[in-house]
């Protein structure tokens, strides 16, 4: 039995990537001997951390890794997020000791933090589909964190080194979609060491909802780049009779949207537990997103499919790869009229039930635990 050491740095606010890593630990444990090394980004800032930032190497974190490797002696070290507590020193240690390493790219941060200058980030475009940075709000400096110049300087310093590791090291890289693999290729990053393997999906969610509500659910960050306000406006124009748009989550736009759209047909729930979100989704007619960004693996949409609930989404990034071919409820990104027509399909109850059932069968077949495990074993063994 292969021994897998999973290395990950948790985000300050728990999000989709943290959930995916926890799920992966659980899933891989079914076939491999798995241990994990988890760093936390919740400690108060100390002066020594600035030094670690400058050299992109956290000696304390690397010592923890070294101790874990010596005690566990893994066949594979499976790395996820290293920003910022893990540090790039993780890769330096693993390379120096010739340890079989796999890196999973959950997002496109490596692309957005590759330079200190906006012109190199946007490369002629006016808007970045990876992180939503726009030329209008940033004329010169690549301010990745809009609320902090210091954090942006540090993450760009980190990102430039990280991109070199992705480009030039011999580690194996896993991405979630073929779209992401092609994105790497288009940006002159070799892909002979890049593999596609989705995050595990839990297929046995203990929910059996028989009474459906006339509701459509958005669940996620309430922010400009997620297109929540645009979604609300299209929903209102669609005039779905007796339907409610339930918006679940928190974010910088929440209070503004609550004040502006104080309608009976728009319900803001705030942030809820994952189980509560699943219960609301299970009783809804569909889930919907208007994201303006390239997404990795759409967790909420995948969970909806497991529940037999249809998803309405923009055909951008690799989202469509998690749905049957020629899926009927995707719409052209930023094409509001198309979204309006897709929302009106929700009046056709039987059709929606059929679409939901087809989605459920698709994810059970294409993203089963056995498929994920076999793919990982193949990648680890090459």
Protein backbone atom coordinates (compact mmCIF):
# COMPACT_ATOMS: atom_id res chain seq x y z
CA UNK A 1 0.00 0.00 0.00
CA UNK A 2 1.43 3.36 -1.07
CA UNK A 3 1.95 5.98 1.60
CA UNK A 4 0.72 9.48 0.72
CA UNK A 5 1.63 12.63 2.66
CA UNK A 6 -0.77 15.48 1.93
CA UNK A 7 0.60 18.99 2.52
CA UNK A 8 -1.75 21.97 2.63
CA UNK A 9 -2.00 25.48 4.06
CA UNK A 10 -5.52 26.41 5.13
CA UNK A 11 -6.96 29.78 4.16
CA UNK A 12 -7.90 32.32 6.82
CA UNK A 13 -11.53 31.98 5.74
CA UNK A 14 -12.41 28.36 5.04
CA UNK A 15 -13.39 27.93 1.41
CA UNK A 16 -13.83 25.45 -1.40
CA UNK A 17 -10.17 24.45 -1.63
CA UNK A 18 -10.00 23.60 2.09
CA UNK A 19 -13.17 21.51 1.75
CA UNK A 20 -11.74 19.76 -1.32
CA UNK A 21 -8.49 18.88 0.49
CA UNK A 22 -10.40 17.45 3.46
CA UNK A 23 -12.47 15.37 1.05
CA UNK A 24 -9.33 14.20 -0.75
CA UNK A 25 -7.72 13.08 2.51
CA UNK A 26 -10.82 11.04 3.29
CA UNK A 27 -11.08 9.59 -0.23
CA UNK A 28 -7.42 8.63 -0.66
CA UNK A 29 -7.45 6.95 2.74
CA UNK A 30 -9.71 4.27 1.26
CA UNK A 31 -6.87 2.96 -0.93
CA UNK A 32 -3.64 4.38 0.49
CA UNK A 33 -2.03 4.96 3.86
CA UNK A 34 -2.50 8.70 4.24
CA UNK A 35 -1.14 11.25 6.67
CA UNK A 36 -1.42 15.01 6.41
CA UNK A 37 0.64 18.07 7.30
CA UNK A 38 -1.65 21.08 7.62
CA UNK A 39 -0.37 24.62 8.11
CA UNK A 40 -2.59 27.44 9.40
CA UNK A 41 -2.63 31.10 8.33
CA UNK A 42 -4.36 32.31 11.48
CA UNK A 43 -1.36 33.25 13.61
CA UNK A 44 -0.66 36.92 14.38
CA UNK A 45 1.98 38.51 12.17
CA UNK A 46 5.53 38.36 13.57
CA UNK A 47 8.63 40.14 12.31
CA UNK A 48 10.32 36.84 11.46
CA UNK A 49 7.50 36.15 8.98
CA UNK A 50 8.55 39.18 6.94
CA UNK A 51 11.98 37.60 6.59
CA UNK A 52 10.37 34.32 5.51
CA UNK A 53 8.31 36.24 2.94
CA UNK A 54 11.39 37.90 1.50
CA UNK A 55 13.24 34.62 1.01
CA UNK A 56 10.07 32.62 0.17
CA UNK A 57 11.13 29.99 2.69
CA UNK A 58 9.56 29.42 6.09
CA UNK A 59 12.21 27.50 8.04
CA UNK A 60 9.76 26.50 10.76
CA UNK A 61 7.32 25.03 8.22
CA UNK A 62 10.09 23.19 6.37
CA UNK A 63 11.36 21.68 9.64
CA UNK A 64 7.86 20.36 10.32
CA UNK A 65 7.83 18.83 6.83
CA UNK A 66 11.27 17.30 7.30
CA UNK A 67 10.20 15.74 10.60
CA UNK A 68 7.03 14.36 9.05
CA UNK A 69 8.83 12.89 6.05
CA UNK A 70 11.40 11.15 8.26
CA UNK A 71 8.76 9.64 10.54
CA UNK A 72 6.26 8.64 7.83
CA UNK A 73 8.60 7.93 4.89
CA UNK A 74 5.95 8.59 2.21
CA UNK A 75 6.05 7.23 -1.35
CA UNK A 76 4.43 10.46 -2.57
CA UNK A 77 4.11 13.97 -1.14
CA UNK A 78 0.91 15.54 -2.47
CA UNK A 79 1.07 19.34 -2.19
CA UNK A 80 -1.88 21.71 -2.38
CA UNK A 81 -1.79 25.35 -1.21
CA UNK A 82 1.55 26.68 0.11
CA UNK A 83 0.65 30.38 0.43
CA UNK A 84 1.80 31.68 2.73
CA UNK A 85 2.61 29.62 5.86
CA UNK A 86 3.78 26.55 3.96
CA UNK A 87 6.06 28.68 1.75
CA UNK A 88 7.95 27.72 -1.39
CA UNK A 89 10.60 26.19 0.85
CA UNK A 90 8.42 23.06 0.76
CA UNK A 91 9.35 22.50 -2.89
CA UNK A 92 13.02 23.25 -2.29
CA UNK A 93 13.18 20.59 0.44
CA UNK A 94 11.30 17.98 -1.60
CA UNK A 95 13.45 18.57 -4.68
CA UNK A 96 16.70 18.48 -2.70
CA UNK A 97 15.75 15.13 -1.20
CA UNK A 98 14.49 13.71 -4.52
CA UNK A 99 11.03 12.96 -3.14
CA UNK A 100 8.24 11.98 -5.53
CA UNK A 101 6.02 15.09 -5.52
CA UNK A 102 2.61 15.91 -6.96
CA UNK A 103 1.24 19.47 -6.95
CA UNK A 104 -2.47 20.16 -7.39
CA UNK A 105 -3.44 23.53 -8.88
CA UNK A 106 -6.90 24.45 -7.59
CA UNK A 107 -6.85 27.98 -9.02
CA UNK A 108 -5.00 30.41 -11.31
CA UNK A 109 -3.18 32.48 -8.66
CA UNK A 110 0.20 31.51 -10.16
CA UNK A 111 -0.83 33.36 -13.34
CA UNK A 112 -2.21 36.47 -11.64
CA UNK A 113 0.81 37.01 -9.36
CA UNK A 114 3.53 36.44 -11.94
CA UNK A 115 4.58 40.11 -12.09
CA UNK A 116 4.62 43.39 -10.18
CA UNK A 117 3.10 45.18 -13.20
CA UNK A 118 -0.50 45.26 -14.40
CA UNK A 119 0.53 45.19 -18.07
CA UNK A 120 2.20 41.79 -17.58
CA UNK A 121 -0.76 40.48 -15.63
CA UNK A 122 -3.45 41.52 -18.11
CA UNK A 123 -1.29 41.07 -21.21
CA UNK A 124 -3.32 43.50 -23.32
CA UNK A 125 -6.74 42.66 -21.87
CA UNK A 126 -8.89 45.02 -19.81
CA UNK A 127 -10.07 42.36 -17.33
CA UNK A 128 -8.54 39.19 -15.86
CA UNK A 129 -10.91 36.23 -15.99
CA UNK A 130 -8.78 34.44 -13.40
CA UNK A 131 -9.04 36.97 -10.55
CA UNK A 132 -11.21 39.90 -11.84
CA UNK A 133 -8.46 42.54 -11.69
CA UNK A 134 -9.21 45.32 -14.19
CA UNK A 135 -7.08 47.90 -15.94
CA UNK A 136 -9.43 50.69 -14.78
CA UNK A 137 -8.74 50.10 -11.08
CA UNK A 138 -5.00 49.47 -11.44
CA UNK A 139 -3.01 51.64 -13.83
CA UNK A 140 0.51 50.45 -13.01
CA UNK A 141 1.06 48.18 -9.99
CA UNK A 142 -0.33 44.65 -10.00
CA UNK A 143 -2.44 44.99 -6.87
CA UNK A 144 -3.68 41.42 -6.45
CA UNK A 145 -5.08 42.13 -2.97
CA UNK A 146 -7.17 45.26 -3.55
CA UNK A 147 -7.16 46.19 0.14
CA UNK A 148 -3.38 45.97 0.67
CA UNK A 149 -0.29 47.08 -1.23
CA UNK A 150 1.98 45.19 1.18
CA UNK A 151 0.18 41.87 0.77
CA UNK A 152 0.16 42.40 -3.00
CA UNK A 153 3.93 43.01 -3.07
CA UNK A 154 4.50 39.86 -1.02
CA UNK A 155 2.19 37.64 -3.07
CA UNK A 156 3.69 38.89 -6.35
CA UNK A 157 7.17 38.15 -5.00
CA UNK A 158 5.90 34.69 -4.09
CA UNK A 159 4.05 34.22 -7.38
CA UNK A 160 7.05 34.97 -9.60
CA UNK A 161 9.05 32.21 -7.88
CA UNK A 162 6.05 29.85 -7.81
CA UNK A 163 5.53 30.16 -11.56
CA UNK A 164 9.19 29.21 -12.13
CA UNK A 165 8.63 26.06 -10.08
CA UNK A 166 5.57 25.18 -12.16
CA UNK A 167 7.44 25.85 -15.40
CA UNK A 168 10.80 24.29 -14.76
CA UNK A 169 10.62 21.66 -12.00
CA UNK A 170 10.08 17.96 -12.59
CA UNK A 171 7.15 17.64 -10.19
CA UNK A 172 3.90 16.20 -11.50
CA UNK A 173 0.99 18.63 -11.67
CA UNK A 174 -2.70 17.84 -11.36
CA UNK A 175 -5.35 20.25 -12.63
CA UNK A 176 -9.12 19.88 -12.37
CA UNK A 177 -10.08 20.33 -16.03
CA UNK A 178 -8.83 19.99 -19.58
CA UNK A 179 -9.50 23.71 -19.85
CA UNK A 180 -6.86 24.40 -17.19
CA UNK A 181 -4.37 22.10 -18.89
CA UNK A 182 -4.89 23.95 -22.17
CA UNK A 183 -4.57 27.26 -20.31
CA UNK A 184 -1.11 26.20 -19.14
CA UNK A 185 -0.14 25.22 -22.67
CA UNK A 186 -1.32 28.54 -24.11
CA UNK A 187 0.86 30.33 -21.57
CA UNK A 188 3.95 28.44 -22.68
CA UNK A 189 4.05 26.00 -19.78
CA UNK A 190 4.94 22.46 -20.77
CA UNK A 191 2.17 19.97 -20.11
CA UNK A 192 3.91 16.59 -20.50
CA UNK A 193 3.91 16.40 -16.68
CA UNK A 194 0.34 17.76 -16.27
CA UNK A 195 -2.60 15.46 -15.54
CA UNK A 196 -6.34 16.03 -15.15
CA UNK A 197 -8.09 14.61 -12.10
CA UNK A 198 -11.12 16.15 -10.42
CA UNK A 199 -11.68 16.62 -6.71
CA UNK A 200 -13.56 13.73 -5.10
CA UNK A 201 -17.34 14.03 -4.94
CA UNK A 202 -19.30 12.54 -2.09
CA UNK A 203 -22.00 10.51 -3.77
CA UNK A 204 -24.05 9.48 -0.74
CA UNK A 205 -25.58 12.67 0.61
CA UNK A 206 -28.31 11.58 3.06
CA UNK A 207 -31.05 13.86 1.78
CA UNK A 208 -34.36 12.81 0.29
CA UNK A 209 -36.53 15.85 -0.39
CA UNK A 210 -39.87 15.10 -1.99
CA UNK A 211 -41.49 18.54 -1.72
CA UNK A 212 -39.83 21.00 -4.07
CA UNK A 213 -40.08 24.75 -3.61
CA UNK A 214 -40.29 27.31 -6.40
CA UNK A 215 -36.80 28.56 -5.64
CA UNK A 216 -33.51 29.08 -7.46
CA UNK A 217 -30.33 29.02 -5.36
CA UNK A 218 -27.07 30.92 -5.61
CA UNK A 219 -24.50 29.87 -2.99
CA UNK A 220 -21.05 31.41 -2.73
CA UNK A 221 -19.17 34.64 -2.21
CA UNK A 222 -21.29 37.78 -2.54
CA UNK A 223 -18.92 39.90 -4.60
CA UNK A 224 -18.66 41.83 -7.85
CA UNK A 225 -16.60 39.18 -9.66
CA UNK A 226 -19.23 36.53 -8.96
CA UNK A 227 -21.84 38.58 -10.81
CA UNK A 228 -24.48 38.37 -8.07
CA UNK A 229 -26.05 41.75 -8.89
CA UNK A 230 -26.26 40.88 -12.60
CA UNK A 231 -27.86 37.58 -11.64
CA UNK A 232 -30.48 39.35 -9.53
CA UNK A 233 -31.36 41.76 -12.35
CA UNK A 234 -31.76 38.96 -14.91
CA UNK A 235 -33.89 36.95 -12.47
CA UNK A 236 -36.20 39.93 -11.93
CA UNK A 237 -36.54 40.43 -15.70
CA UNK A 238 -37.38 36.78 -16.25
CA UNK A 239 -40.63 37.25 -14.30
CA UNK A 240 -40.69 33.69 -13.01
CA UNK A 241 -44.11 33.57 -11.38
CA UNK A 242 -44.06 32.73 -7.65
CA UNK A 243 -40.31 31.93 -7.75
CA UNK A 244 -37.77 33.11 -5.17
CA UNK A 245 -34.05 33.61 -5.76
CA UNK A 246 -32.25 32.48 -2.59
CA UNK A 247 -28.79 33.99 -2.20
CA UNK A 248 -26.62 32.12 0.30
CA UNK A 249 -23.28 33.41 1.51
CA UNK A 250 -21.38 36.46 2.66
CA UNK A 251 -19.07 38.97 1.04
CA UNK A 252 -18.32 42.64 0.39
CA UNK A 253 -21.50 43.24 -1.63
CA UNK A 254 -23.97 41.62 0.75
CA UNK A 255 -25.19 44.70 2.65
CA UNK A 256 -25.34 46.79 -0.52
CA UNK A 257 -27.44 44.19 -2.35
CA UNK A 258 -29.71 43.62 0.66
CA UNK A 259 -30.50 47.33 0.77
CA UNK A 260 -30.96 47.76 -2.99
CA UNK A 261 -32.98 44.61 -3.70
CA UNK A 262 -35.46 44.48 -0.84
CA UNK A 263 -38.03 42.35 -2.68
CA UNK A 264 -40.08 39.34 -1.63
CA UNK A 265 -38.69 37.40 -4.58
CA UNK A 266 -35.07 37.93 -3.44
CA UNK A 267 -34.05 36.21 -0.20
CA UNK A 268 -30.64 36.71 1.43
CA UNK A 269 -29.85 33.98 3.97
CA UNK A 270 -26.33 35.01 4.93
CA UNK A 271 -23.66 32.38 5.52
CA UNK A 272 -24.94 28.89 6.39
CA UNK A 273 -23.41 25.52 7.24
CA UNK A 274 -22.77 23.17 4.33
CA UNK A 275 -25.54 20.83 5.53
CA UNK A 276 -28.05 23.69 5.60
CA UNK A 277 -26.97 24.77 2.10
CA UNK A 278 -27.47 21.21 0.84
CA UNK A 279 -30.96 21.04 2.35
CA UNK A 280 -31.98 24.30 0.65
CA UNK A 281 -30.48 23.19 -2.67
CA UNK A 282 -32.18 19.80 -2.47
CA UNK A 283 -35.61 21.43 -2.18
CA UNK A 284 -34.97 23.96 -4.97
CA UNK A 285 -35.75 23.77 -8.68
CA UNK A 286 -32.19 24.65 -9.68
CA UNK A 287 -28.94 26.29 -8.65
CA UNK A 288 -27.47 29.15 -10.67
CA UNK A 289 -24.25 31.12 -11.02
CA UNK A 290 -23.20 34.16 -13.06
CA UNK A 291 -19.49 33.97 -12.29
CA UNK A 292 -17.25 36.26 -14.33
CA UNK A 293 -14.18 34.14 -13.58
CA UNK A 294 -12.55 30.93 -14.68
CA UNK A 295 -13.50 28.44 -11.99
CA UNK A 296 -11.71 25.28 -10.93
CA UNK A 297 -14.23 22.65 -9.95
CA UNK A 298 -17.65 24.16 -9.18
CA UNK A 299 -18.31 22.52 -5.80
CA UNK A 300 -21.85 23.84 -5.37
CA UNK A 301 -22.86 22.81 -8.89
CA UNK A 302 -21.34 19.36 -8.44
CA UNK A 303 -23.20 18.92 -5.16
CA UNK A 304 -26.41 19.98 -6.89
CA UNK A 305 -25.86 17.27 -9.50
CA UNK A 306 -25.40 14.68 -6.76
CA UNK A 307 -28.79 15.80 -5.42
CA UNK A 308 -30.40 15.54 -8.85
CA UNK A 309 -30.86 19.31 -9.02
CA UNK A 310 -30.18 21.10 -12.37
CA UNK A 311 -27.53 23.83 -12.65
CA UNK A 312 -27.63 26.98 -14.74
CA UNK A 313 -24.19 28.41 -15.44
CA UNK A 314 -22.10 30.45 -17.92
CA UNK A 315 -20.14 28.40 -20.44
CA UNK A 316 -16.73 29.61 -19.35
CA UNK A 317 -13.59 27.99 -18.02
CA UNK A 318 -14.02 24.29 -17.44
CA UNK A 319 -17.46 24.31 -15.79
CA UNK A 320 -19.14 22.46 -18.65
CA UNK A 321 -16.72 19.52 -18.21
CA UNK A 322 -18.66 18.54 -15.08
CA UNK A 323 -21.91 18.14 -17.00
CA UNK A 324 -23.21 15.93 -19.83
CA UNK A 325 -22.20 16.83 -23.38
CA UNK A 326 -24.39 19.48 -25.04
CA UNK A 327 -25.88 20.41 -21.68
CA UNK A 328 -29.01 22.48 -22.26
CA UNK A 329 -28.92 24.88 -19.29
CA UNK A 330 -25.55 26.52 -19.87
CA UNK A 331 -25.55 30.03 -21.33
CA UNK A 332 -23.05 32.30 -23.05
CA UNK A 333 -21.04 34.28 -20.51
CA UNK A 334 -22.45 37.80 -20.03
CA UNK A 335 -25.37 36.99 -22.36
CA UNK A 336 -28.23 38.02 -20.11
CA UNK A 337 -30.98 37.19 -22.61
CA UNK A 338 -29.73 33.60 -22.80
CA UNK A 339 -29.73 33.34 -19.02
CA UNK A 340 -33.26 34.75 -18.90
CA UNK A 341 -34.44 32.03 -21.29
CA UNK A 342 -32.69 29.31 -19.25
CA UNK A 343 -34.40 30.53 -16.08
CA UNK A 344 -37.80 30.30 -17.78
CA UNK A 345 -37.17 26.58 -18.35
CA UNK A 346 -37.74 26.13 -14.61
CA UNK A 347 -41.46 26.44 -15.27
CA UNK A 348 -41.21 23.04 -17.00
CA UNK A 349 -41.13 20.80 -13.93
CA UNK A 350 -40.79 17.43 -15.68
CA UNK A 351 -37.99 18.66 -17.95
CA UNK A 352 -36.06 19.96 -14.94
CA UNK A 353 -36.47 16.63 -13.16
CA UNK A 354 -35.12 14.84 -16.22
CA UNK A 355 -32.12 17.18 -16.49
CA UNK A 356 -31.41 16.74 -12.77
CA UNK A 357 -31.50 12.95 -13.05
CA UNK A 358 -29.17 13.00 -16.06
CA UNK A 359 -26.70 15.22 -14.17
CA UNK A 360 -26.80 12.84 -11.22
CA UNK A 361 -26.04 9.81 -13.35
CA UNK A 362 -23.25 11.67 -15.15
CA UNK A 363 -21.31 12.68 -12.02
CA UNK A 364 -21.76 9.26 -10.44
CA UNK A 365 -20.23 7.64 -13.50
CA UNK A 366 -17.53 10.14 -14.46
CA UNK A 367 -16.41 11.31 -11.01
CA UNK A 368 -16.84 8.23 -8.85
CA UNK A 369 -14.47 7.62 -5.96
CA UNK A 370 -13.02 4.63 -7.79
CA UNK A 371 -12.26 6.72 -10.87
CA UNK A 372 -10.54 9.43 -8.81
CA UNK A 373 -8.48 6.84 -6.91
CA UNK A 374 -7.40 4.94 -10.02
CA UNK A 375 -6.38 8.16 -11.75
CA UNK A 376 -4.32 9.22 -8.76
CA UNK A 377 -2.61 5.83 -8.53
CA UNK A 378 -1.68 6.01 -12.21
CA UNK A 379 -0.26 9.52 -11.83
CA UNK A 380 1.67 8.65 -8.67
CA UNK A 381 3.18 5.57 -10.30
CA UNK A 382 4.41 7.23 -13.51
